[in-house]
C-alpha atoms as a PDB file:
ATOM      1  CA  MET A   1      -7.930  46.123   1.328  1.00  0.00           C
ATOM      2  CA  LEU A   2     -10.781  43.790   0.323  1.00  0.00           C
ATOM      3  CA  GLU A   3      -8.543  41.997  -2.165  1.00  0.00           C
ATOM      4  CA  ASP A   4      -5.831  41.521   0.475  1.00  0.00           C
ATOM      5  CA  GLU A   5      -8.367  40.063   2.889  1.00  0.00           C
ATOM      6  CA  GLN A   6      -9.706  37.682   0.223  1.00  0.00           C
ATOM      7  CA  ASN A   7      -6.162  36.544  -0.558  1.00  0.00           C
ATOM      8  CA  ARG A   8      -5.516  35.918   3.148  1.00  0.00           C
ATOM      9  CA  ILE A   9      -8.738  33.912   3.469  1.00  0.00           C
ATOM     10  CA  ASN A  10      -7.899  31.874   0.357  1.00  0.00           C
ATOM     11  CA  ALA A  11      -4.384  31.119   1.611  1.00  0.00           C
ATOM     12  CA  GLU A  12      -5.741  30.018   4.992  1.00  0.00           C
ATOM     13  CA  ALA A  13      -8.359  27.791   3.343  1.00  0.00           C
ATOM     14  CA  THR A  14      -5.711  26.218   1.107  1.00  0.00           C
ATOM     15  CA  ALA A  15      -3.520  25.460   4.120  1.00  0.00           C
ATOM     16  CA  ASP A  16      -6.491  23.954   5.983  1.00  0.00           C
ATOM     17  CA  HIS A  17      -7.418  21.768   2.998  1.00  0.00           C
ATOM     18  CA  THR A  18      -3.820  20.598   2.609  1.00  0.00           C
ATOM     19  CA  LEU A  19      -3.619  19.646   6.291  1.00  0.00           C
ATOM     20  CA  THR A  20      -6.977  17.844   6.147  1.00  0.00           C
ATOM     21  CA  TYR A  21      -5.953  15.967   2.993  1.00  0.00           C
ATOM     22  CA  GLY A  22      -2.724  14.806   4.651  1.00  0.00           C
ATOM     23  CA  LYS A  23      -4.571  13.583   7.742  1.00  0.00           C
ATOM     24  CA  ARG A  24      -7.141  11.813   5.595  1.00  0.00           C
ATOM     25  CA  ARG A  25      -4.450  10.030   3.597  1.00  0.00           C
ATOM     26  CA  THR A  26      -2.755   8.862   6.803  1.00  0.00           C
ATOM     27  CA  GLU A  27      -6.053   7.578   8.205  1.00  0.00           C
ATOM     28  CA  LEU A  28      -6.936   5.765   4.983  1.00  0.00           C
ATOM     29  CA  GLN A  29      -3.469   4.212   4.854  1.00  0.00           C
ATOM     30  CA  SER A  30      -3.882   2.948   8.431  1.00  0.00           C
ATOM     31  CA  LEU A  31      -7.336   1.586   7.651  1.00  0.00           C
ATOM     32  CA  ALA A  32      -6.024  -0.203   4.552  1.00  0.00           C
ATOM     33  CA  ASP A  33      -3.134  -1.676   6.556  1.00  0.00           C
ATOM     34  CA  LEU A  34      -5.535  -2.995   9.189  1.00  0.00           C
ATOM     35  CA  TRP A  35      -7.962  -4.367   6.594  1.00  0.00           C
ATOM     36  CA  TYR A  36      -5.149  -6.128   4.773  1.00  0.00           C
ATOM     37  CA  GLN A  37      -3.797  -7.688   7.989  1.00  0.00           C
ATOM     38  CA  GLU A  38      -7.207  -9.165   8.740  1.00  0.00           C
ATOM     39  CA  ASN A  39      -7.996 -10.232   5.170  1.00  0.00           C
ATOM     40  CA  LYS A  40      -4.603 -11.095   3.669  1.00  0.00           C
ATOM     41  CA  ASN A  41      -5.484 -14.630   2.560  1.00  0.00           C
ATOM     42  CA  TRP A  42      -8.706 -13.494   0.915  1.00  0.00           C
ATOM     43  CA  ALA A  43      -7.048 -10.465  -0.702  1.00  0.00           C
ATOM     44  CA  GLU A  44      -4.170 -12.481  -2.149  1.00  0.00           C
ATOM     45  CA  ASP A  45      -6.501 -15.090  -3.686  1.00  0.00           C
ATOM     46  CA  PRO A  46      -6.362 -14.606  -7.492  1.00  0.00           C
ATOM     47  CA  ALA A  47     -10.163 -14.806  -7.555  1.00  0.00           C
ATOM     48  CA  HIS A  48     -10.252 -11.423  -5.755  1.00  0.00           C
ATOM     49  CA  GLU A  49      -8.283  -9.374  -8.227  1.00  0.00           C
ATOM     50  CA  GLY A  50      -7.726  -5.772  -7.193  1.00  0.00           C
ATOM     51  CA  TYR A  51      -7.404  -6.330  -3.446  1.00  0.00           C
ATOM     52  CA  SER A  52      -3.824  -7.552  -2.995  1.00  0.00           C
ATOM     53  CA  LYS A  53      -1.480  -5.375  -0.973  1.00  0.00           C
ATOM     54  CA  SER A  54       0.538  -4.364  -4.000  1.00  0.00           C
ATOM     55  CA  HIS A  55      -2.360  -4.120  -6.444  1.00  0.00           C
ATOM     56  CA  GLY A  56      -5.410  -2.626  -4.901  1.00  0.00           C
ATOM     57  CA  THR A  57      -6.125  -2.629  -1.186  1.00  0.00           C
ATOM     58  CA  TYR A  58      -5.224   1.033  -0.793  1.00  0.00           C
ATOM     59  CA  LYS A  59      -6.948   1.979  -4.028  1.00  0.00           C
ATOM     60  CA  GLN A  60     -10.141   0.174  -2.971  1.00  0.00           C
ATOM     61  CA  ILE A  61     -10.190   1.895   0.445  1.00  0.00           C
ATOM     62  CA  GLU A  62      -9.552   5.338  -1.050  1.00  0.00           C
ATOM     63  CA  GLU A  63     -12.210   4.889  -3.739  1.00  0.00           C
ATOM     64  CA  ALA A  64     -14.752   3.795  -1.115  1.00  0.00           C
ATOM     65  CA  ALA A  65     -13.958   6.891   0.965  1.00  0.00           C
ATOM     66  CA  ASN A  66     -14.294   9.136  -2.089  1.00  0.00           C
ATOM     67  CA  ASP A  67     -17.631   7.527  -2.980  1.00  0.00           C
ATOM     68  CA  GLY A  68     -18.826   8.221   0.558  1.00  0.00           C
ATOM     69  CA  ASN A  69     -17.792  11.863   0.256  1.00  0.00           C
ATOM     70  CA  LYS A  70     -19.725  12.218  -3.011  1.00  0.00           C
ATOM     71  CA  LYS A  71     -22.849  10.649  -1.487  1.00  0.00           C
ATOM     72  CA  ALA A  72     -22.632  12.981   1.519  1.00  0.00           C
ATOM     73  CA  GLU A  73     -22.397  16.200  -0.500  1.00  0.00           C
ATOM     74  CA  GLY A  74     -25.413  18.368   0.144  1.00  0.00           C
ATOM     75  CA  VAL A  75     -26.747  16.162   2.939  1.00  0.00           C
ATOM     76  CA  ALA A  76     -27.945  18.125   5.936  1.00  0.00           C
ATOM     77  CA  GLY A  77     -26.385  17.572   9.332  1.00  0.00           C
ATOM     78  CA  ILE A  78     -22.920  17.122  10.721  1.00  0.00           C
ATOM     79  CA  GLN A  79     -20.529  15.455   8.271  1.00  0.00           C
END
């Protein structure tokens, strides 16, 4: 019975994490779209390699979000 309950809890946690990950990806995509709209000329300038729409805006936004998650690990309070 204990093993069945642990399996149920694990399955529920996996589903919750999958849903959260999907929502996070959608939010980051929207943020990257908005950032790019406002900063297109700057991002497409060859001097700012890694920020163009096809070569980096989304990667830069996602990496910044991941860095924020790492910095917040273990911090007390609501996250």
